Amino acid sequence: MTDTSRTARRFGLAASKLHRTSPDGGLLTWARESGDSIRAMGLRLHAVGGAYATLSRSASLGGYEGLVAYPSGGEGGLMRLVSHIAGGAYENQALDGIVYLIDPVDPSTLYPEAAALKRQCVTHQKPFISTVAGAIEWMAVEGAHAGVVDDTARGLLDVSKRNLALIAHDALKAQMVEFAADNFDLLSRAVSRVATGTTGQRLNELAWSRGWPRATPWVHRYLSGPLGGDAQIAELVLDQRCDKVLFFEDPHVARQHEADIQLLERSVCSVTRHATCANSPAMARRWAVAVGIASS
């Protein structure tokens, strides 16, 4: 039953053709796995074109009053989501996050509006979820914050099953260290942790200052991003040896190794039913709080 005492959160929704055109596609898989939680929270889904059409016919979310139709991508639907993540051109349009199930070989995901959608989410510190596993997990995150927690959600938020990557651009390295310090015990429960370059060194120094054995690195360090560290971690993701990437991105600087960053993001989408990614400190912190709620 929906809790009407709280303001319902609103997420934009889009999906590549691969994810929305078959009964076993990512969009309907997500609806089956998370539909009950979405209804219980009263979460509003502002869905673009084909994503709306698919869900409106589904057993899980068909007839759901929180499902709102946007135009197709070709008619500006994705562009409207970008505006609404930034607050919108008119009153009462703001969205709280985006679920965009991406097929990494779909050329439309490289269009300017697709890139802008993710960038604005990072800029405004709002969740951007691009994989099936991430969408299922994030509904558990939202549920925990809304007081909707069951055994399935507890399993999804069990960090002791996770292999983590911790990555931060230069301007956000201090925030990554602060995040790790605030959530050290939680992150230490993960099966494994990896990081790139200087971020990894600073995280190990933090761990050693907390009493972590000096003979054992808290994170396994790979090369810096510009030297190939992002690609090294992408290979772990593809091999399903890393299933959650916490990547604190700086959207305000030109990045000479942009191709490496996109490679890592595409690797996550390539194993869409296995891997998840958080692209901002706010998203990582919201996840960590939910983990704490679910495990209490």
C-alpha atoms as a PDB file:
ATOM      1  CA  MET A   1       0.000   0.000   0.000  1.00  0.00           C
ATOM      2  CA  THR A   2       1.387   3.405  -0.974  1.00  0.00           C
ATOM      3  CA  ASP A   3       2.473   5.722   1.835  1.00  0.00           C
ATOM      4  CA  THR A   4       0.688   8.932   0.847  1.00  0.00           C
ATOM      5  CA  SER A   5       2.124  10.847   3.808  1.00  0.00           C
ATOM      6  CA  ARG A   6       5.383  11.452   1.953  1.00  0.00           C
ATOM      7  CA  THR A   7       5.992  13.179  -1.351  1.00  0.00           C
ATOM      8  CA  ALA A   8       6.480  10.555  -4.041  1.00  0.00           C
ATOM      9  CA  ARG A   9       9.850  10.664  -5.754  1.00  0.00           C
ATOM     10  CA  ARG A  10       9.944  10.971  -9.514  1.00  0.00           C
ATOM     11  CA  PHE A  11      12.297   9.196 -11.878  1.00  0.00           C
ATOM     12  CA  GLY A  12      12.719   9.610 -15.606  1.00  0.00           C
ATOM     13  CA  LEU A  13      12.764   6.352 -17.544  1.00  0.00           C
ATOM     14  CA  ALA A  14      14.162   5.390 -20.937  1.00  0.00           C
ATOM     15  CA  ALA A  15      15.429   2.157 -22.452  1.00  0.00           C
ATOM     16  CA  SER A  16      17.337   1.088 -25.529  1.00  0.00           C
ATOM     17  CA  LYS A  17      15.393  -1.051 -27.992  1.00  0.00           C
ATOM     18  CA  LEU A  18      17.193  -4.215 -26.832  1.00  0.00           C
ATOM     19  CA  HIS A  19      15.796  -3.741 -23.335  1.00  0.00           C
ATOM     20  CA  ARG A  20      12.183  -2.995 -24.248  1.00  0.00           C
ATOM     21  CA  THR A  21      11.211  -5.241 -27.152  1.00  0.00           C
ATOM     22  CA  SER A  22      11.024  -8.738 -25.664  1.00  0.00           C
ATOM     23  CA  PRO A  23       9.372 -10.377 -22.632  1.00  0.00           C
ATOM     24  CA  ASP A  24      12.832 -11.264 -21.320  1.00  0.00           C
ATOM     25  CA  GLY A  25      14.246  -7.801 -21.982  1.00  0.00           C
ATOM     26  CA  GLY A  26      15.726  -5.671 -19.273  1.00  0.00           C
ATOM     27  CA  LEU A  27      12.756  -3.338 -18.886  1.00  0.00           C
ATOM     28  CA  LEU A  28      10.194  -6.050 -18.188  1.00  0.00           C
ATOM     29  CA  THR A  29      12.683  -7.962 -16.037  1.00  0.00           C
ATOM     30  CA  TRP A  30      13.034  -4.829 -13.906  1.00  0.00           C
ATOM     31  CA  ALA A  31       9.264  -4.378 -13.773  1.00  0.00           C
ATOM     32  CA  ARG A  32       8.769  -7.954 -12.581  1.00  0.00           C
ATOM     33  CA  GLU A  33      11.510  -7.692  -9.964  1.00  0.00           C
ATOM     34  CA  SER A  34      10.709  -4.191  -8.690  1.00  0.00           C
ATOM     35  CA  GLY A  35       7.077  -3.543  -9.614  1.00  0.00           C
ATOM     36  CA  ASP A  36       5.693  -4.301  -6.161  1.00  0.00           C
ATOM     37  CA  SER A  37       8.257  -2.015  -4.528  1.00  0.00           C
ATOM     38  CA  ILE A  38       7.560   0.769  -7.038  1.00  0.00           C
ATOM     39  CA  ARG A  39       3.846   0.565  -6.274  1.00  0.00           C
ATOM     40  CA  ALA A  40       4.437   0.424  -2.512  1.00  0.00           C
ATOM     41  CA  MET A  41       6.534   3.593  -2.649  1.00  0.00           C
ATOM     42  CA  GLY A  42       4.207   5.355  -5.060  1.00  0.00           C
ATOM     43  CA  LEU A  43       7.286   6.110  -7.154  1.00  0.00           C
ATOM     44  CA  ARG A  44       6.402   8.075 -10.279  1.00  0.00           C
ATOM     45  CA  LEU A  45       7.983   6.936 -13.543  1.00  0.00           C
ATOM     46  CA  HIS A  46       8.166   9.548 -16.304  1.00  0.00           C
ATOM     47  CA  ALA A  47       8.755   7.192 -19.218  1.00  0.00           C
ATOM     48  CA  VAL A  48       9.895   8.066 -22.724  1.00  0.00           C
ATOM     49  CA  GLY A  49       8.075   6.666 -25.761  1.00  0.00           C
ATOM     50  CA  GLY A  50       8.743   2.961 -26.161  1.00  0.00           C
ATOM     51  CA  ALA A  51       9.542   2.460 -22.482  1.00  0.00           C
ATOM     52  CA  TYR A  52       6.115   3.805 -21.556  1.00  0.00           C
ATOM     53  CA  ALA A  53       4.416   1.649 -24.195  1.00  0.00           C
ATOM     54  CA  THR A  54       6.131  -1.501 -22.930  1.00  0.00           C
ATOM     55  CA  LEU A  55       5.362  -0.895 -19.255  1.00  0.00           C
ATOM     56  CA  SER A  56       1.785   0.223 -19.874  1.00  0.00           C
ATOM     57  CA  ARG A  57       1.088  -3.218 -21.379  1.00  0.00           C
ATOM     58  CA  SER A  58       2.937  -5.162 -18.688  1.00  0.00           C
ATOM     59  CA  ALA A  59       1.389  -7.270 -15.956  1.00  0.00           C
ATOM     60  CA  SER A  60       3.584  -5.603 -13.336  1.00  0.00           C
ATOM     61  CA  LEU A  61       3.025  -1.906 -14.046  1.00  0.00           C
ATOM     62  CA  GLY A  62       0.181  -1.765 -16.564  1.00  0.00           C
ATOM     63  CA  GLY A  63      -2.519   0.546 -15.227  1.00  0.00           C
ATOM     64  CA  TYR A  64      -0.169   1.984 -12.583  1.00  0.00           C
ATOM     65  CA  GLU A  65      -1.226   5.585 -12.005  1.00  0.00           C
ATOM     66  CA  GLY A  66       2.356   6.656 -11.328  1.00  0.00           C
ATOM     67  CA  LEU A  67       3.417   5.794 -14.892  1.00  0.00           C
ATOM     68  CA  VAL A  68       3.581   9.026 -16.916  1.00  0.00           C
ATOM     69  CA  ALA A  69       4.016   9.163 -20.709  1.00  0.00           C
ATOM     70  CA  TYR A  70       6.676  11.332 -22.352  1.00  0.00           C
ATOM     71  CA  PRO A  71       7.200  11.699 -26.129  1.00  0.00           C
ATOM     72  CA  SER A  72       9.504   9.297 -27.944  1.00  0.00           C
ATOM     73  CA  GLY A  73      13.190  10.071 -28.189  1.00  0.00           C
ATOM     74  CA  GLY A  74      12.742  11.233 -31.771  1.00  0.00           C
ATOM     75  CA  GLU A  75      10.064  13.670 -30.608  1.00  0.00           C
ATOM     76  CA  GLY A  76      12.205  15.154 -27.854  1.00  0.00           C
ATOM     77  CA  GLY A  77      11.351  12.893 -24.924  1.00  0.00           C
ATOM     78  CA  LEU A  78      14.957  12.378 -23.843  1.00  0.00           C
ATOM     79  CA  MET A  79      15.665  16.094 -24.205  1.00  0.00           C
ATOM     80  CA  ARG A  80      12.765  16.826 -21.875  1.00  0.00           C
ATOM     81  CA  LEU A  81      14.218  14.441 -19.293  1.00  0.00           C
ATOM     82  CA  VAL A  82      17.494  16.387 -19.427  1.00  0.00           C
ATOM     83  CA  SER A  83      15.643  19.629 -18.732  1.00  0.00           C
ATOM     84  CA  HIS A  84      13.635  18.086 -15.924  1.00  0.00           C
ATOM     85  CA  ILE A  85      16.727  16.699 -14.193  1.00  0.00           C
ATOM     86  CA  ALA A  86      17.954  20.308 -14.130  1.00  0.00           C
ATOM     87  CA  GLY A  87      14.623  21.441 -12.670  1.00  0.00           C
ATOM     88  CA  GLY A  88      12.623  21.988 -15.854  1.00  0.00           C
ATOM     89  CA  ALA A  89      11.562  25.092 -17.722  1.00  0.00           C
ATOM     90  CA  TYR A  90       8.265  25.285 -15.833  1.00  0.00           C
ATOM     91  CA  GLU A  91       7.086  24.675 -12.279  1.00  0.00           C
ATOM     92  CA  ASN A  92       6.779  21.194 -10.790  1.00  0.00           C
ATOM     93  CA  GLN A  93       8.818  19.397 -13.456  1.00  0.00           C
ATOM     94  CA  ALA A  94      11.890  18.380 -11.463  1.00  0.00           C
ATOM     95  CA  LEU A  95      12.910  14.728 -11.479  1.00  0.00           C
ATOM     96  CA  ASP A  96      14.847  12.995  -8.694  1.00  0.00           C
ATOM     97  CA  GLY A  97      16.839  10.646 -10.915  1.00  0.00           C
ATOM     98  CA  ILE A  98      17.011   8.643 -14.131  1.00  0.00           C
ATOM     99  CA  VAL A  99      16.768   4.985 -15.053  1.00  0.00           C
ATOM    100  CA  TYR A 100      18.142   4.652 -18.596  1.00  0.00           C
ATOM    101  CA  LEU A 101      18.686   1.016 -19.532  1.00  0.00           C
ATOM    102  CA  ILE A 102      21.507   1.253 -22.046  1.00  0.00           C
ATOM    103  CA  ASP A 103      22.546  -1.163 -24.764  1.00  0.00           C
ATOM    104  CA  PRO A 104      26.214  -0.199 -25.255  1.00  0.00           C
ATOM    105  CA  VAL A 105      26.077  -0.931 -28.994  1.00  0.00           C
ATOM    106  CA  ASP A 106      22.933   1.160 -29.571  1.00  0.00           C
ATOM    107  CA  PRO A 107      24.138   4.264 -31.468  1.00  0.00           C
ATOM    108  CA  SER A 108      21.311   6.382 -30.042  1.00  0.00           C
ATOM    109  CA  THR A 109      22.964   6.186 -26.612  1.00  0.00           C
ATOM    110  CA  LEU A 110      25.796   8.290 -28.072  1.00  0.00           C
ATOM    111  CA  TYR A 111      23.476  11.124 -29.135  1.00  0.00           C
ATOM    112  CA  PRO A 112      24.079  14.496 -27.415  1.00  0.00           C
ATOM    113  CA  GLU A 113      20.862  14.295 -25.404  1.00  0.00           C
ATOM    114  CA  ALA A 114      21.868  10.896 -24.009  1.00  0.00           C
ATOM    115  CA  ALA A 115      25.277  12.204 -22.934  1.00  0.00           C
ATOM    116  CA  ALA A 116      23.683  15.363 -21.539  1.00  0.00           C
ATOM    117  CA  LEU A 117      21.205  13.321 -19.513  1.00  0.00           C
ATOM    118  CA  LYS A 118      23.944  11.520 -17.648  1.00  0.00           C
ATOM    119  CA  ARG A 119      26.041  14.677 -17.287  1.00  0.00           C
ATOM    120  CA  GLN A 120      23.173  16.644 -15.763  1.00  0.00           C
ATOM    121  CA  CYS A 121      22.495  13.825 -13.303  1.00  0.00           C
ATOM    122  CA  VAL A 122      26.138  13.966 -12.205  1.00  0.00           C
ATOM    123  CA  THR A 123      26.106  17.776 -12.124  1.00  0.00           C
ATOM    124  CA  HIS A 124      22.972  17.906  -9.970  1.00  0.00           C
ATOM    125  CA  GLN A 125      24.028  14.891  -7.863  1.00  0.00           C
ATOM    126  CA  LYS A 126      20.996  12.822  -8.853  1.00  0.00           C
ATOM    127  CA  PRO A 127      21.020   9.059  -9.478  1.00  0.00           C
ATOM    128  CA  PHE A 128      21.740   7.873 -13.016  1.00  0.00           C
ATOM    129  CA  ILE A 129      21.100   4.143 -13.366  1.00  0.00           C
ATOM    130  CA  SER A 130      22.078   2.472 -16.636  1.00  0.00           C
ATOM    131  CA  THR A 131      21.900  -1.291 -16.013  1.00  0.00           C
ATOM    132  CA  VAL A 132      19.203  -3.813 -15.194  1.00  0.00           C
ATOM    133  CA  ALA A 133      21.028  -4.860 -12.025  1.00  0.00           C
ATOM    134  CA  GLY A 134      21.402  -1.212 -11.074  1.00  0.00           C
ATOM    135  CA  ALA A 135      17.718  -0.457 -11.614  1.00  0.00           C
ATOM    136  CA  ILE A 136      16.661  -3.415  -9.475  1.00  0.00           C
ATOM    137  CA  GLU A 137      19.151  -2.495  -6.753  1.00  0.00           C
ATOM    138  CA  TRP A 138      18.184   1.187  -6.818  1.00  0.00           C
ATOM    139  CA  MET A 139      14.536   0.424  -6.188  1.00  0.00           C
ATOM    140  CA  ALA A 140      15.746  -1.351  -3.045  1.00  0.00           C
ATOM    141  CA  VAL A 141      17.733   1.796  -2.171  1.00  0.00           C
ATOM    142  CA  GLU A 142      14.674   4.005  -2.656  1.00  0.00           C
ATOM    143  CA  GLY A 143      12.571   1.504  -0.731  1.00  0.00           C
ATOM    144  CA  ALA A 144      14.941   1.539   2.233  1.00  0.00           C
ATOM    145  CA  HIS A 145      14.746   5.333   2.408  1.00  0.00           C
ATOM    146  CA  ALA A 146      10.940   5.107   2.182  1.00  0.00           C
ATOM    147  CA  GLY A 147      10.705   2.422   4.878  1.00  0.00           C
ATOM    148  CA  VAL A 148       9.864  -0.343   2.387  1.00  0.00           C
ATOM    149  CA  VAL A 149      12.355  -3.131   3.161  1.00  0.00           C
ATOM    150  CA  ASP A 150      11.885  -6.872   2.735  1.00  0.00           C
ATOM    151  CA  ASP A 151      14.198  -9.882   2.513  1.00  0.00           C
ATOM    152  CA  THR A 152      14.717  -9.343  -1.209  1.00  0.00           C
ATOM    153  CA  ALA A 153      15.852  -5.773  -0.591  1.00  0.00           C
ATOM    154  CA  ARG A 154      18.163  -6.918   2.182  1.00  0.00           C
ATOM    155  CA  GLY A 155      19.781  -9.356  -0.227  1.00  0.00           C
ATOM    156  CA  LEU A 156      20.213  -6.688  -2.889  1.00  0.00           C
ATOM    157  CA  LEU A 157      21.810  -4.343  -0.353  1.00  0.00           C
ATOM    158  CA  ASP A 158      24.102  -6.943   1.229  1.00  0.00           C
ATOM    159  CA  VAL A 159      27.528  -5.423   0.672  1.00  0.00           C
ATOM    160  CA  SER A 160      29.248  -8.631   1.821  1.00  0.00           C
ATOM    161  CA  LYS A 161      28.384 -10.044  -1.624  1.00  0.00           C
ATOM    162  CA  ARG A 162      29.919  -7.142  -3.541  1.00  0.00           C
ATOM    163  CA  ASN A 163      33.236  -6.612  -5.298  1.00  0.00           C
ATOM    164  CA  LEU A 164      33.745  -2.841  -5.327  1.00  0.00           C
ATOM    165  CA  ALA A 165      35.688  -0.389  -7.465  1.00  0.00           C
ATOM    166  CA  LEU A 166      36.420   3.047  -5.959  1.00  0.00           C
ATOM    167  CA  ILE A 167      37.417   5.693  -8.516  1.00  0.00           C
ATOM    168  CA  ALA A 168      37.534   9.491  -8.290  1.00  0.00           C
ATOM    169  CA  HIS A 169      38.612  12.328 -10.524  1.00  0.00           C
ATOM    170  CA  ASP A 170      41.188  14.747  -9.115  1.00  0.00           C
ATOM    171  CA  ALA A 171      38.735  17.339  -7.787  1.00  0.00           C
ATOM    172  CA  LEU A 172      36.749  14.631  -5.989  1.00  0.00           C
ATOM    173  CA  LYS A 173      39.502  12.474  -4.505  1.00  0.00           C
ATOM    174  CA  ALA A 174      39.099  14.156  -1.118  1.00  0.00           C
ATOM    175  CA  GLN A 175      35.365  13.427  -1.216  1.00  0.00           C
ATOM    176  CA  MET A 176      36.085   9.775  -2.011  1.00  0.00           C
ATOM    177  CA  VAL A 177      38.418   9.523   0.979  1.00  0.00           C
ATOM    178  CA  GLU A 178      35.792  11.231   3.149  1.00  0.00           C
ATOM    179  CA  PHE A 179      33.120   8.832   1.876  1.00  0.00           C
ATOM    180  CA  ALA A 180      35.358   5.855   2.637  1.00  0.00           C
ATOM    181  CA  ALA A 181      36.144   7.214   6.104  1.00  0.00           C
ATOM    182  CA  ASP A 182      32.467   7.726   6.904  1.00  0.00           C
ATOM    183  CA  ASN A 183      31.567   4.242   5.646  1.00  0.00           C
ATOM    184  CA  PHE A 184      34.765   2.352   6.406  1.00  0.00           C
ATOM    185  CA  ASP A 185      33.204  -0.564   8.267  1.00  0.00           C
ATOM    186  CA  LEU A 186      30.504  -0.961   5.616  1.00  0.00           C
ATOM    187  CA  LEU A 187      32.970  -0.932   2.710  1.00  0.00           C
ATOM    188  CA  SER A 188      35.308  -3.276   4.565  1.00  0.00           C
ATOM    189  CA  ARG A 189      32.596  -5.953   4.476  1.00  0.00           C
ATOM    190  CA  ALA A 190      32.867  -6.228   0.679  1.00  0.00           C
ATOM    191  CA  VAL A 191      34.452  -9.323  -0.833  1.00  0.00           C
ATOM    192  CA  SER A 192      37.092  -7.161  -2.512  1.00  0.00           C
ATOM    193  CA  ARG A 193      37.944  -3.555  -3.328  1.00  0.00           C
ATOM    194  CA  VAL A 194      39.949  -2.094  -6.204  1.00  0.00           C
ATOM    195  CA  ALA A 195      40.893   1.472  -7.079  1.00  0.00           C
ATOM    196  CA  THR A 196      42.991   3.458  -9.520  1.00  0.00           C
ATOM    197  CA  GLY A 197      46.215   5.371  -9.004  1.00  0.00           C
ATOM    198  CA  THR A 198      46.404   8.070  -6.365  1.00  0.00           C
ATOM    199  CA  THR A 199      42.884   7.362  -5.140  1.00  0.00           C
ATOM    200  CA  GLY A 200      43.947   3.835  -4.253  1.00  0.00           C
ATOM    201  CA  GLN A 201      47.020   5.054  -2.388  1.00  0.00           C
ATOM    202  CA  ARG A 202      44.997   7.529  -0.341  1.00  0.00           C
ATOM    203  CA  LEU A 203      42.390   4.895   0.488  1.00  0.00           C
ATOM    204  CA  ASN A 204      45.055   2.457   1.654  1.00  0.00           C
ATOM    205  CA  GLU A 205      46.612   5.162   3.829  1.00  0.00           C
ATOM    206  CA  LEU A 206      43.189   5.806   5.344  1.00  0.00           C
ATOM    207  CA  ALA A 207      42.720   2.109   6.062  1.00  0.00           C
ATOM    208  CA  TRP A 208      46.137   1.763   7.653  1.00  0.00           C
ATOM    209  CA  SER A 209      45.391   4.763   9.863  1.00  0.00           C
ATOM    210  CA  ARG A 210      42.267   2.888  10.994  1.00  0.00           C
ATOM    211  CA  GLY A 211      44.275  -0.156  12.030  1.00  0.00           C
ATOM    212  CA  TRP A 212      43.993  -2.193   8.839  1.00  0.00           C
ATOM    213  CA  PRO A 213      47.042  -4.532   8.615  1.00  0.00           C
ATOM    214  CA  ARG A 214      49.823  -2.735   6.739  1.00  0.00           C
ATOM    215  CA  ALA A 215      50.855  -5.961   5.049  1.00  0.00           C
ATOM    216  CA  THR A 216      47.432  -6.148   3.379  1.00  0.00           C
ATOM    217  CA  PRO A 217      46.271  -3.350   1.067  1.00  0.00           C
ATOM    218  CA  TRP A 218      42.668  -2.338   1.734  1.00  0.00           C
ATOM    219  CA  VAL A 219      42.237  -1.760  -2.004  1.00  0.00           C
ATOM    220  CA  HIS A 220      44.165  -3.370  -4.823  1.00  0.00           C
ATOM    221  CA  ARG A 221      45.630  -0.502  -6.828  1.00  0.00           C
ATOM    222  CA  TYR A 222      45.586  -0.386 -10.588  1.00  0.00           C
ATOM    223  CA  LEU A 223      47.136   2.290 -12.792  1.00  0.00           C
ATOM    224  CA  SER A 224      45.748   5.811 -12.885  1.00  0.00           C
ATOM    225  CA  GLY A 225      42.842   6.363 -15.263  1.00  0.00           C
ATOM    226  CA  PRO A 226      44.882   8.160 -17.961  1.00  0.00           C
ATOM    227  CA  LEU A 227      47.453   5.350 -17.904  1.00  0.00           C
ATOM    228  CA  GLY A 228      44.872   2.598 -18.347  1.00  0.00           C
ATOM    229  CA  GLY A 229      43.480   1.947 -14.879  1.00  0.00           C
ATOM    230  CA  ASP A 230      39.892   2.461 -16.008  1.00  0.00           C
ATOM    231  CA  ALA A 231      40.411  -0.170 -18.718  1.00  0.00           C
ATOM    232  CA  GLN A 232      41.949  -2.583 -16.207  1.00  0.00           C
ATOM    233  CA  ILE A 233      38.908  -2.284 -13.959  1.00  0.00           C
ATOM    234  CA  ALA A 234      36.625  -2.581 -17.002  1.00  0.00           C
ATOM    235  CA  GLU A 235      38.148  -5.994 -17.652  1.00  0.00           C
ATOM    236  CA  LEU A 236      37.320  -7.036 -14.090  1.00  0.00           C
ATOM    237  CA  VAL A 237      33.746  -5.881 -14.688  1.00  0.00           C
ATOM    238  CA  LEU A 238      33.499  -7.883 -17.921  1.00  0.00           C
ATOM    239  CA  ASP A 239      34.846 -10.957 -16.105  1.00  0.00           C
ATOM    240  CA  GLN A 240      32.261 -10.390 -13.329  1.00  0.00           C
ATOM    241  CA  ARG A 241      35.029  -9.944 -10.764  1.00  0.00           C
ATOM    242  CA  CYS A 242      33.792  -6.424 -10.003  1.00  0.00           C
ATOM    243  CA  ASP A 243      30.068  -5.781  -9.745  1.00  0.00           C
ATOM    244  CA  LYS A 244      29.747  -2.313  -8.224  1.00  0.00           C
ATOM    245  CA  VAL A 245      31.629   0.752  -9.431  1.00  0.00           C
ATOM    246  CA  LEU A 246      31.624   3.889  -7.273  1.00  0.00           C
ATOM    247  CA  PHE A 247      32.948   6.496  -9.693  1.00  0.00           C
ATOM    248  CA  PHE A 248      33.055  10.082  -8.434  1.00  0.00           C
ATOM    249  CA  GLU A 249      33.026  11.982 -11.722  1.00  0.00           C
ATOM    250  CA  ASP A 250      33.818  15.656 -12.189  1.00  0.00           C
ATOM    251  CA  PRO A 251      31.504  16.911 -14.968  1.00  0.00           C
ATOM    252  CA  HIS A 252      33.052  20.384 -15.090  1.00  0.00           C
ATOM    253  CA  VAL A 253      36.494  19.693 -16.563  1.00  0.00           C
ATOM    254  CA  ALA A 254      37.679  18.575 -19.984  1.00  0.00           C
ATOM    255  CA  ARG A 255      38.924  15.014 -19.660  1.00  0.00           C
ATOM    256  CA  GLN A 256      41.734  13.951 -21.957  1.00  0.00           C
ATOM    257  CA  HIS A 257      41.025  10.294 -21.215  1.00  0.00           C
ATOM    258  CA  GLU A 258      37.275  10.556 -21.897  1.00  0.00           C
ATOM    259  CA  ALA A 259      37.462   7.435 -24.084  1.00  0.00           C
ATOM    260  CA  ASP A 260      38.777   5.416 -21.131  1.00  0.00           C
ATOM    261  CA  ILE A 261      35.964   6.672 -18.906  1.00  0.00           C
ATOM    262  CA  GLN A 262      33.362   5.734 -21.497  1.00  0.00           C
ATOM    263  CA  LEU A 263      35.004   2.332 -21.922  1.00  0.00           C
ATOM    264  CA  LEU A 264      34.513   1.629 -18.224  1.00  0.00           C
ATOM    265  CA  GLU A 265      30.904   2.789 -18.326  1.00  0.00           C
ATOM    266  CA  ARG A 266      30.221   0.659 -21.408  1.00  0.00           C
ATOM    267  CA  SER A 267      31.728  -2.386 -19.706  1.00  0.00           C
ATOM    268  CA  VAL A 268      29.206  -1.991 -16.888  1.00  0.00           C
ATOM    269  CA  CYS A 269      26.347  -1.833 -19.410  1.00  0.00           C
ATOM    270  CA  SER A 270      27.741  -4.872 -21.240  1.00  0.00           C
ATOM    271  CA  VAL A 271      27.066  -7.020 -18.160  1.00  0.00           C
ATOM    272  CA  THR A 272      23.817  -5.218 -17.397  1.00  0.00           C
ATOM    273  CA  ARG A 273      22.324  -7.980 -15.252  1.00  0.00           C
ATOM    274  CA  HIS A 274      25.414  -8.217 -13.072  1.00  0.00           C
ATOM    275  CA  ALA A 275      27.008  -4.793 -12.574  1.00  0.00           C
ATOM    276  CA  THR A 276      25.958  -1.441 -11.126  1.00  0.00           C
ATOM    277  CA  CYS A 277      27.530   2.008 -11.117  1.00  0.00           C
ATOM    278  CA  ALA A 278      27.177   5.147  -8.981  1.00  0.00           C
ATOM    279  CA  ASN A 279      28.551   8.279 -10.643  1.00  0.00           C
ATOM    280  CA  SER A 280      28.477  10.872  -7.869  1.00  0.00           C
ATOM    281  CA  PRO A 281      29.172  11.263  -4.145  1.00  0.00           C
ATOM    282  CA  ALA A 282      25.484  11.888  -3.415  1.00  0.00           C
ATOM    283  CA  MET A 283      24.454   8.693  -5.188  1.00  0.00           C
ATOM    284  CA  ALA A 284      27.090   6.665  -3.342  1.00  0.00           C
ATOM    285  CA  ARG A 285      26.050   8.129   0.002  1.00  0.00           C
ATOM    286  CA  ARG A 286      22.366   7.422  -0.614  1.00  0.00           C
ATOM    287  CA  TRP A 287      23.288   3.816  -1.404  1.00  0.00           C
ATOM    288  CA  ALA A 288      25.425   3.529   1.741  1.00  0.00           C
ATOM    289  CA  VAL A 289      22.644   4.889   3.962  1.00  0.00           C
ATOM    290  CA  ALA A 290      20.235   2.375   2.431  1.00  0.00           C
ATOM    291  CA  VAL A 291      22.686  -0.450   3.102  1.00  0.00           C
ATOM    292  CA  GLY A 292      22.804   0.642   6.733  1.00  0.00           C
ATOM    293  CA  ILE A 293      19.008   0.757   6.983  1.00  0.00           C
ATOM    294  CA  ALA A 294      18.601  -2.670   5.386  1.00  0.00           C
ATOM    295  CA  SER A 295      21.188  -4.287   7.641  1.00  0.00           C
ATOM    296  CA  SER A 296      19.923  -2.774  10.904  1.00  0.00           C
END
